[in-house]
Amino acid sequence: MKFPSLASLAAIWMLIHTVHTVAAEDTITVAWRIKPPHQYIENGVEKGILLDRAKQVFSVAHIPVNFVEEPAKRIWSNFSGGSKNYCSFGWYRIPERESLVQFSDIFHTDPPHTLLVSPAAIKQVSAHRSLASLMADRSLTLGVVDAVSYGPELDAMIKSSKNRIERSTTLPMIMARMVGANRASYMLIDREDWEYLKDKEDSLHQTTQMDLAGMPAGLHRYIVCSKDISSEQMQKINAGIQKVFRAKK
């Protein structure tokens, strides 16, 4: 019986190593932040309308991926640091992100934001008829979740607001609890987030959801990917988005 030579064994090992390396390099990491009902973990199970949609998109696109949950601040730090083969989903398209990532076709469209008002501030907030008037009130405190965007129009309004600003690098649901505990007079919250949270969080039962004139229209959300992701892969992602949308009609 003739055994393979050492040179042959070395060549076989190098071939196996190369195949595994290429496969690993081709796998895209898809990071997602906790944001129910869009994406979250419940009893150890990953759930959410956008998380499920993202998994469907990459599946029909036939792109190997590894989904990982990471805080929003870390996700954008990774993009800023030049992470390779890296994507995320559910993000607004704002100017400062253009240099960091590639944007897919529209992945989701939000309804307009709404207001969540603390029990202690409901009378003061109700005295205002517009969002601009509310944000000019120096006696109120606006709770703002850092490391995310509320969209270009609301980001600009927050920046110029005369309210006291209570910033926290926390989850929107935690900020909502802070409003419920009167640590902030009010917050801007995704309407879909509120619909999910209002019956699940006892701490929010004394808060009030309110709409005022001047709230910007809901924005589109996108899948974003690092600049090294090829145009062919982005085309597959966009084709996957369109296929998933067609299947839901």
C-alpha atoms as a PDB file:
ATOM      1  CA  MET A   1       0.000   0.000   0.000  1.00  0.00           C
ATOM      2  CA  LYS A   2       1.447   3.325  -1.046  1.00  0.00           C
ATOM      3  CA  PHE A   3       1.037   6.203   1.392  1.00  0.00           C
ATOM      4  CA  PRO A   4       0.899   9.835   0.200  1.00  0.00           C
ATOM      5  CA  SER A   5       4.145  11.714   0.464  1.00  0.00           C
ATOM      6  CA  LEU A   6       4.685  14.487   2.991  1.00  0.00           C
ATOM      7  CA  ALA A   7       4.531  16.979   0.146  1.00  0.00           C
ATOM      8  CA  SER A   8       1.139  15.636  -0.922  1.00  0.00           C
ATOM      9  CA  LEU A   9      -0.181  15.754   2.641  1.00  0.00           C
ATOM     10  CA  ALA A  10       1.063  19.326   2.994  1.00  0.00           C
ATOM     11  CA  ALA A  11      -0.662  20.298  -0.249  1.00  0.00           C
ATOM     12  CA  ILE A  12      -3.935  18.708   0.893  1.00  0.00           C
ATOM     13  CA  TRP A  13      -3.712  20.492   4.261  1.00  0.00           C
ATOM     14  CA  MET A  14      -3.070  23.825   2.555  1.00  0.00           C
ATOM     15  CA  LEU A  15      -6.084  23.293   0.268  1.00  0.00           C
ATOM     16  CA  ILE A  16      -8.380  22.521   3.219  1.00  0.00           C
ATOM     17  CA  HIS A  17      -7.030  25.506   5.146  1.00  0.00           C
ATOM     18  CA  THR A  18      -7.557  27.796   2.153  1.00  0.00           C
ATOM     19  CA  VAL A  19     -11.168  26.618   1.656  1.00  0.00           C
ATOM     20  CA  HIS A  20     -11.964  27.171   5.330  1.00  0.00           C
ATOM     21  CA  THR A  21     -10.292  30.592   5.314  1.00  0.00           C
ATOM     22  CA  VAL A  22     -12.169  31.746   2.222  1.00  0.00           C
ATOM     23  CA  ALA A  23     -15.457  30.489   3.674  1.00  0.00           C
ATOM     24  CA  ALA A  24     -14.792  32.350   6.931  1.00  0.00           C
ATOM     25  CA  GLU A  25     -13.879  35.536   5.093  1.00  0.00           C
ATOM     26  CA  ASP A  26     -17.034  35.329   2.946  1.00  0.00           C
ATOM     27  CA  THR A  27     -19.318  35.058   5.965  1.00  0.00           C
ATOM     28  CA  ILE A  28     -20.830  38.439   6.820  1.00  0.00           C
ATOM     29  CA  THR A  29     -21.406  39.449  10.428  1.00  0.00           C
ATOM     30  CA  VAL A  30     -24.852  41.034  10.767  1.00  0.00           C
ATOM     31  CA  ALA A  31     -25.037  43.029  13.992  1.00  0.00           C
ATOM     32  CA  TRP A  32     -28.337  44.111  15.505  1.00  0.00           C
ATOM     33  CA  ARG A  33     -29.308  46.208  18.508  1.00  0.00           C
ATOM     34  CA  ILE A  34     -32.114  45.340  20.913  1.00  0.00           C
ATOM     35  CA  LYS A  35     -35.172  47.402  19.970  1.00  0.00           C
ATOM     36  CA  PRO A  36     -38.506  45.659  20.511  1.00  0.00           C
ATOM     37  CA  PRO A  37     -40.705  44.990  18.638  1.00  0.00           C
ATOM     38  CA  HIS A  38     -38.241  45.295  15.741  1.00  0.00           C
ATOM     39  CA  GLN A  39     -35.576  43.035  17.234  1.00  0.00           C
ATOM     40  CA  TYR A  40     -35.169  41.614  20.741  1.00  0.00           C
ATOM     41  CA  ILE A  41     -34.555  38.519  22.856  1.00  0.00           C
ATOM     42  CA  GLU A  42     -37.318  36.939  24.923  1.00  0.00           C
ATOM     43  CA  ASN A  43     -36.662  33.909  27.124  1.00  0.00           C
ATOM     44  CA  GLY A  44     -33.440  33.299  25.213  1.00  0.00           C
ATOM     45  CA  VAL A  45     -35.196  33.339  21.829  1.00  0.00           C
ATOM     46  CA  GLU A  46     -34.381  35.964  19.176  1.00  0.00           C
ATOM     47  CA  LYS A  47     -37.545  37.649  17.943  1.00  0.00           C
ATOM     48  CA  GLY A  48     -38.755  40.745  16.118  1.00  0.00           C
ATOM     49  CA  ILE A  49     -40.342  41.817  12.850  1.00  0.00           C
ATOM     50  CA  LEU A  50     -37.156  43.329  11.412  1.00  0.00           C
ATOM     51  CA  LEU A  51     -34.842  40.599  12.728  1.00  0.00           C
ATOM     52  CA  ASP A  52     -37.027  37.974  11.048  1.00  0.00           C
ATOM     53  CA  ARG A  53     -37.121  40.035   7.855  1.00  0.00           C
ATOM     54  CA  ALA A  54     -33.330  40.479   7.828  1.00  0.00           C
ATOM     55  CA  LYS A  55     -32.819  36.738   8.227  1.00  0.00           C
ATOM     56  CA  GLN A  56     -35.176  36.120   5.315  1.00  0.00           C
ATOM     57  CA  VAL A  57     -33.385  38.687   3.134  1.00  0.00           C
ATOM     58  CA  PHE A  58     -29.930  37.171   3.626  1.00  0.00           C
ATOM     59  CA  SER A  59     -31.338  33.661   3.259  1.00  0.00           C
ATOM     60  CA  VAL A  60     -32.989  34.308  -0.122  1.00  0.00           C
ATOM     61  CA  ALA A  61     -29.867  36.237  -1.174  1.00  0.00           C
ATOM     62  CA  HIS A  62     -27.810  33.068  -0.456  1.00  0.00           C
ATOM     63  CA  ILE A  63     -25.236  35.035   1.536  1.00  0.00           C
ATOM     64  CA  PRO A  64     -23.666  33.220   4.536  1.00  0.00           C
ATOM     65  CA  VAL A  65     -24.101  35.329   7.669  1.00  0.00           C
ATOM     66  CA  ASN A  66     -23.589  35.274  11.412  1.00  0.00           C
ATOM     67  CA  PHE A  67     -26.155  37.326  13.372  1.00  0.00           C
ATOM     68  CA  VAL A  68     -24.861  38.922  16.596  1.00  0.00           C
ATOM     69  CA  GLU A  69     -26.567  41.225  19.080  1.00  0.00           C
ATOM     70  CA  GLU A  70     -24.499  44.331  19.901  1.00  0.00           C
ATOM     71  CA  PRO A  71     -25.237  47.763  21.410  1.00  0.00           C
ATOM     72  CA  ALA A  72     -25.824  50.593  18.933  1.00  0.00           C
ATOM     73  CA  LYS A  73     -22.710  52.457  20.079  1.00  0.00           C
ATOM     74  CA  ARG A  74     -20.511  49.407  19.430  1.00  0.00           C
ATOM     75  CA  ILE A  75     -22.058  48.800  16.011  1.00  0.00           C
ATOM     76  CA  TRP A  76     -21.196  52.294  14.810  1.00  0.00           C
ATOM     77  CA  SER A  77     -17.798  52.138  16.475  1.00  0.00           C
ATOM     78  CA  ASN A  78     -17.135  48.994  14.439  1.00  0.00           C
ATOM     79  CA  PHE A  79     -18.163  50.736  11.243  1.00  0.00           C
ATOM     80  CA  SER A  80     -15.970  53.730  12.139  1.00  0.00           C
ATOM     81  CA  GLY A  81     -13.069  51.388  12.889  1.00  0.00           C
ATOM     82  CA  GLY A  82     -13.267  49.743   9.471  1.00  0.00           C
ATOM     83  CA  SER A  83     -14.660  46.336  10.420  1.00  0.00           C
ATOM     84  CA  LYS A  84     -14.731  44.035   7.385  1.00  0.00           C
ATOM     85  CA  ASN A  85     -17.623  41.868   6.156  1.00  0.00           C
ATOM     86  CA  TYR A  86     -19.924  43.704   8.541  1.00  0.00           C
ATOM     87  CA  CYS A  87     -23.582  44.712   8.165  1.00  0.00           C
ATOM     88  CA  SER A  88     -26.432  45.860  10.366  1.00  0.00           C
ATOM     89  CA  PHE A  89     -30.080  46.685   9.748  1.00  0.00           C
ATOM     90  CA  GLY A  90     -32.874  49.028  10.758  1.00  0.00           C
ATOM     91  CA  TRP A  91     -30.944  52.317  10.462  1.00  0.00           C
ATOM     92  CA  TYR A  92     -31.926  55.729   9.134  1.00  0.00           C
ATOM     93  CA  ARG A  93     -29.981  57.285   6.282  1.00  0.00           C
ATOM     94  CA  ILE A  94     -28.320  60.420   7.667  1.00  0.00           C
ATOM     95  CA  PRO A  95     -25.406  62.407   6.154  1.00  0.00           C
ATOM     96  CA  GLU A  96     -22.762  61.501   8.738  1.00  0.00           C
ATOM     97  CA  ARG A  97     -23.190  57.798   7.976  1.00  0.00           C
ATOM     98  CA  GLU A  98     -22.650  58.114   4.225  1.00  0.00           C
ATOM     99  CA  SER A  99     -18.858  57.956   4.528  1.00  0.00           C
ATOM    100  CA  LEU A 100     -18.959  54.898   6.799  1.00  0.00           C
ATOM    101  CA  VAL A 101     -21.377  52.484   5.162  1.00  0.00           C
ATOM    102  CA  GLN A 102     -23.247  51.418   2.055  1.00  0.00           C
ATOM    103  CA  PHE A 103     -27.045  51.629   2.177  1.00  0.00           C
ATOM    104  CA  SER A 104     -29.401  49.021   0.784  1.00  0.00           C
ATOM    105  CA  ASP A 105     -32.775  49.638  -0.794  1.00  0.00           C
ATOM    106  CA  ILE A 106     -35.565  50.578   1.641  1.00  0.00           C
ATOM    107  CA  PHE A 107     -35.884  47.852   4.274  1.00  0.00           C
ATOM    108  CA  HIS A 108     -38.701  49.308   6.428  1.00  0.00           C
ATOM    109  CA  THR A 109     -40.705  52.529   6.716  1.00  0.00           C
ATOM    110  CA  ASP A 110     -41.631  53.901  10.137  1.00  0.00           C
ATOM    111  CA  PRO A 111     -44.821  55.687  11.081  1.00  0.00           C
ATOM    112  CA  PRO A 112     -44.185  59.162  12.570  1.00  0.00           C
ATOM    113  CA  HIS A 113     -42.692  59.332  16.064  1.00  0.00           C
ATOM    114  CA  THR A 114     -44.999  60.065  18.970  1.00  0.00           C
ATOM    115  CA  LEU A 115     -44.487  61.572  22.442  1.00  0.00           C
ATOM    116  CA  LEU A 116     -44.401  59.700  25.732  1.00  0.00           C
ATOM    117  CA  VAL A 117     -45.134  62.101  28.590  1.00  0.00           C
ATOM    118  CA  SER A 118     -44.389  61.623  32.284  1.00  0.00           C
ATOM    119  CA  PRO A 119     -47.171  61.749  34.899  1.00  0.00           C
ATOM    120  CA  ALA A 120     -45.694  64.898  36.474  1.00  0.00           C
ATOM    121  CA  ALA A 121     -45.433  66.830  33.192  1.00  0.00           C
ATOM    122  CA  ILE A 122     -48.724  66.035  31.471  1.00  0.00           C
ATOM    123  CA  LYS A 123     -50.329  69.405  32.321  1.00  0.00           C
ATOM    124  CA  GLN A 124     -47.327  71.402  31.052  1.00  0.00           C
ATOM    125  CA  VAL A 125     -46.952  69.363  27.890  1.00  0.00           C
ATOM    126  CA  SER A 126     -50.699  69.518  27.149  1.00  0.00           C
ATOM    127  CA  ALA A 127     -50.473  73.319  27.152  1.00  0.00           C
ATOM    128  CA  HIS A 128     -48.507  73.173  23.882  1.00  0.00           C
ATOM    129  CA  ARG A 129     -50.118  72.779  20.477  1.00  0.00           C
ATOM    130  CA  SER A 130     -47.000  72.098  18.404  1.00  0.00           C
ATOM    131  CA  LEU A 131     -43.716  70.232  18.710  1.00  0.00           C
ATOM    132  CA  ALA A 132     -41.780  73.443  18.080  1.00  0.00           C
ATOM    133  CA  SER A 133     -43.562  75.167  20.988  1.00  0.00           C
ATOM    134  CA  LEU A 134     -42.941  72.167  23.243  1.00  0.00           C
ATOM    135  CA  MET A 135     -39.214  72.140  22.485  1.00  0.00           C
ATOM    136  CA  ALA A 136     -38.979  75.858  23.272  1.00  0.00           C
ATOM    137  CA  ASP A 137     -40.204  75.309  26.845  1.00  0.00           C
ATOM    138  CA  ARG A 138     -37.216  75.693  29.164  1.00  0.00           C
ATOM    139  CA  SER A 139     -39.083  74.190  32.111  1.00  0.00           C
ATOM    140  CA  LEU A 140     -39.318  70.736  30.521  1.00  0.00           C
ATOM    141  CA  THR A 141     -36.754  67.938  30.289  1.00  0.00           C
ATOM    142  CA  LEU A 142     -36.477  65.930  27.091  1.00  0.00           C
ATOM    143  CA  GLY A 143     -35.136  62.375  27.412  1.00  0.00           C
ATOM    144  CA  VAL A 144     -32.807  61.496  24.536  1.00  0.00           C
ATOM    145  CA  VAL A 145     -31.310  58.091  23.730  1.00  0.00           C
ATOM    146  CA  ASP A 146     -27.694  58.662  22.675  1.00  0.00           C
ATOM    147  CA  ALA A 147     -25.829  56.791  19.905  1.00  0.00           C
ATOM    148  CA  VAL A 148     -28.923  56.604  17.696  1.00  0.00           C
ATOM    149  CA  SER A 149     -30.649  59.018  15.329  1.00  0.00           C
ATOM    150  CA  TYR A 150     -34.245  60.209  15.424  1.00  0.00           C
ATOM    151  CA  GLY A 151     -33.924  61.240  11.782  1.00  0.00           C
ATOM    152  CA  PRO A 152     -32.422  64.444  10.354  1.00  0.00           C
ATOM    153  CA  GLU A 153     -35.366  66.742  11.179  1.00  0.00           C
ATOM    154  CA  LEU A 154     -35.831  65.594  14.764  1.00  0.00           C
ATOM    155  CA  ASP A 155     -32.066  65.466  15.376  1.00  0.00           C
ATOM    156  CA  ALA A 156     -31.875  69.130  14.320  1.00  0.00           C
ATOM    157  CA  MET A 157     -34.845  70.060  16.520  1.00  0.00           C
ATOM    158  CA  ILE A 158     -33.292  68.289  19.510  1.00  0.00           C
ATOM    159  CA  LYS A 159     -29.991  70.074  18.919  1.00  0.00           C
ATOM    160  CA  SER A 160     -31.667  73.500  18.969  1.00  0.00           C
ATOM    161  CA  SER A 161     -34.213  72.658  21.688  1.00  0.00           C
ATOM    162  CA  LYS A 162     -34.488  74.934  24.718  1.00  0.00           C
ATOM    163  CA  ASN A 163     -35.580  71.976  26.879  1.00  0.00           C
ATOM    164  CA  ARG A 164     -33.183  70.555  29.411  1.00  0.00           C
ATOM    165  CA  ILE A 165     -31.768  67.400  27.823  1.00  0.00           C
ATOM    166  CA  GLU A 166     -31.430  64.143  29.750  1.00  0.00           C
ATOM    167  CA  ARG A 167     -29.131  61.957  27.650  1.00  0.00           C
ATOM    168  CA  SER A 168     -28.500  58.271  28.228  1.00  0.00           C
ATOM    169  CA  THR A 169     -26.737  55.565  26.209  1.00  0.00           C
ATOM    170  CA  THR A 170     -29.512  53.149  27.042  1.00  0.00           C
ATOM    171  CA  LEU A 171     -32.311  51.289  25.295  1.00  0.00           C
ATOM    172  CA  PRO A 172     -35.483  53.181  24.313  1.00  0.00           C
ATOM    173  CA  MET A 173     -37.468  51.000  26.722  1.00  0.00           C
ATOM    174  CA  ILE A 174     -35.195  52.070  29.591  1.00  0.00           C
ATOM    175  CA  MET A 175     -35.639  55.724  28.638  1.00  0.00           C
ATOM    176  CA  ALA A 176     -39.404  55.105  28.648  1.00  0.00           C
ATOM    177  CA  ARG A 177     -39.113  53.816  32.220  1.00  0.00           C
ATOM    178  CA  MET A 178     -37.182  56.969  33.133  1.00  0.00           C
ATOM    179  CA  VAL A 179     -40.081  59.033  31.774  1.00  0.00           C
ATOM    180  CA  GLY A 180     -42.486  56.898  33.798  1.00  0.00           C
ATOM    181  CA  ALA A 181     -40.391  57.658  36.905  1.00  0.00           C
ATOM    182  CA  ASN A 182     -40.482  61.425  36.122  1.00  0.00           C
ATOM    183  CA  ARG A 183     -36.739  61.591  35.452  1.00  0.00           C
ATOM    184  CA  ALA A 184     -37.602  63.254  32.132  1.00  0.00           C
ATOM    185  CA  SER A 185     -40.728  65.212  31.193  1.00  0.00           C
ATOM    186  CA  TYR A 186     -41.148  63.459  27.873  1.00  0.00           C
ATOM    187  CA  MET A 187     -39.372  61.536  25.134  1.00  0.00           C
ATOM    188  CA  LEU A 188     -39.769  60.942  21.418  1.00  0.00           C
ATOM    189  CA  ILE A 189     -40.578  57.298  20.817  1.00  0.00           C
ATOM    190  CA  ASP A 190     -41.207  55.139  17.761  1.00  0.00           C
ATOM    191  CA  ARG A 191     -44.938  54.515  17.553  1.00  0.00           C
ATOM    192  CA  GLU A 192     -44.322  50.802  16.972  1.00  0.00           C
ATOM    193  CA  ASP A 193     -42.105  50.697  20.096  1.00  0.00           C
ATOM    194  CA  TRP A 194     -44.889  52.287  22.138  1.00  0.00           C
ATOM    195  CA  GLU A 195     -47.547  49.892  20.843  1.00  0.00           C
ATOM    196  CA  TYR A 196     -45.321  47.014  21.938  1.00  0.00           C
ATOM    197  CA  LEU A 197     -44.329  48.432  25.336  1.00  0.00           C
ATOM    198  CA  LYS A 198     -47.566  49.952  26.634  1.00  0.00           C
ATOM    199  CA  ASP A 199     -49.162  46.667  27.689  1.00  0.00           C
ATOM    200  CA  LYS A 200     -45.937  44.977  28.799  1.00  0.00           C
ATOM    201  CA  GLU A 201     -44.407  47.607  31.115  1.00  0.00           C
ATOM    202  CA  ASP A 202     -46.255  48.288  34.372  1.00  0.00           C
ATOM    203  CA  SER A 203     -43.998  51.311  34.929  1.00  0.00           C
ATOM    204  CA  LEU A 204     -45.580  53.014  31.898  1.00  0.00           C
ATOM    205  CA  HIS A 205     -49.216  52.780  32.967  1.00  0.00           C
ATOM    206  CA  GLN A 206     -49.195  56.344  34.340  1.00  0.00           C
ATOM    207  CA  THR A 207     -47.496  57.820  31.276  1.00  0.00           C
ATOM    208  CA  THR A 208     -49.434  59.441  28.422  1.00  0.00           C
ATOM    209  CA  GLN A 209     -48.917  59.020  24.693  1.00  0.00           C
ATOM    210  CA  MET A 210     -49.527  62.274  22.814  1.00  0.00           C
ATOM    211  CA  ASP A 211     -49.290  63.657  19.288  1.00  0.00           C
ATOM    212  CA  LEU A 212     -48.580  67.305  18.471  1.00  0.00           C
ATOM    213  CA  ALA A 213     -48.563  69.228  15.216  1.00  0.00           C
ATOM    214  CA  GLY A 214     -45.218  69.474  13.472  1.00  0.00           C
ATOM    215  CA  MET A 215     -44.006  65.900  13.964  1.00  0.00           C
ATOM    216  CA  PRO A 216     -41.973  64.901  10.859  1.00  0.00           C
ATOM    217  CA  ALA A 217     -43.164  62.063   8.672  1.00  0.00           C
ATOM    218  CA  GLY A 218     -41.892  58.567   9.391  1.00  0.00           C
ATOM    219  CA  LEU A 219     -38.533  57.695   7.834  1.00  0.00           C
ATOM    220  CA  HIS A 220     -37.155  54.770   5.876  1.00  0.00           C
ATOM    221  CA  ARG A 221     -34.817  52.265   7.497  1.00  0.00           C
ATOM    222  CA  TYR A 222     -32.055  50.423   5.644  1.00  0.00           C
ATOM    223  CA  ILE A 223     -29.588  47.568   5.831  1.00  0.00           C
ATOM    224  CA  VAL A 224     -26.122  49.120   6.104  1.00  0.00           C
ATOM    225  CA  CYS A 225     -22.867  47.371   5.216  1.00  0.00           C
ATOM    226  CA  SER A 226     -19.155  48.101   5.468  1.00  0.00           C
ATOM    227  CA  LYS A 227     -17.500  49.598   2.407  1.00  0.00           C
ATOM    228  CA  ASP A 228     -15.637  46.366   1.571  1.00  0.00           C
ATOM    229  CA  ILE A 229     -18.879  44.501   0.833  1.00  0.00           C
ATOM    230  CA  SER A 230     -18.846  44.039  -2.941  1.00  0.00           C
ATOM    231  CA  SER A 231     -21.371  45.598  -5.304  1.00  0.00           C
ATOM    232  CA  GLU A 232     -22.422  42.070  -6.261  1.00  0.00           C
ATOM    233  CA  GLN A 233     -23.241  41.257  -2.639  1.00  0.00           C
ATOM    234  CA  MET A 234     -25.162  44.533  -2.223  1.00  0.00           C
ATOM    235  CA  GLN A 235     -27.147  43.690  -5.362  1.00  0.00           C
ATOM    236  CA  LYS A 236     -27.984  40.291  -3.855  1.00  0.00           C
ATOM    237  CA  ILE A 237     -29.096  41.981  -0.617  1.00  0.00           C
ATOM    238  CA  ASN A 238     -31.309  44.418  -2.552  1.00  0.00           C
ATOM    239  CA  ALA A 239     -32.746  41.565  -4.616  1.00  0.00           C
ATOM    240  CA  GLY A 240     -33.443  39.731  -1.342  1.00  0.00           C
ATOM    241  CA  ILE A 241     -35.277  42.765   0.051  1.00  0.00           C
ATOM    242  CA  GLN A 242     -37.447  43.026  -3.046  1.00  0.00           C
ATOM    243  CA  LYS A 243     -38.190  39.294  -3.019  1.00  0.00           C
ATOM    244  CA  VAL A 244     -39.208  39.353   0.661  1.00  0.00           C
ATOM    245  CA  PHE A 245     -41.453  42.394   0.084  1.00  0.00           C
ATOM    246  CA  ARG A 246     -43.103  40.738  -2.934  1.00  0.00           C
ATOM    247  CA  ALA A 247     -43.765  37.608  -0.872  1.00  0.00           C
ATOM    248  CA  LYS A 248     -45.594  39.670   1.778  1.00  0.00           C
ATOM    249  CA  LYS A 249     -47.997  41.289  -0.713  1.00  0.00           C
END
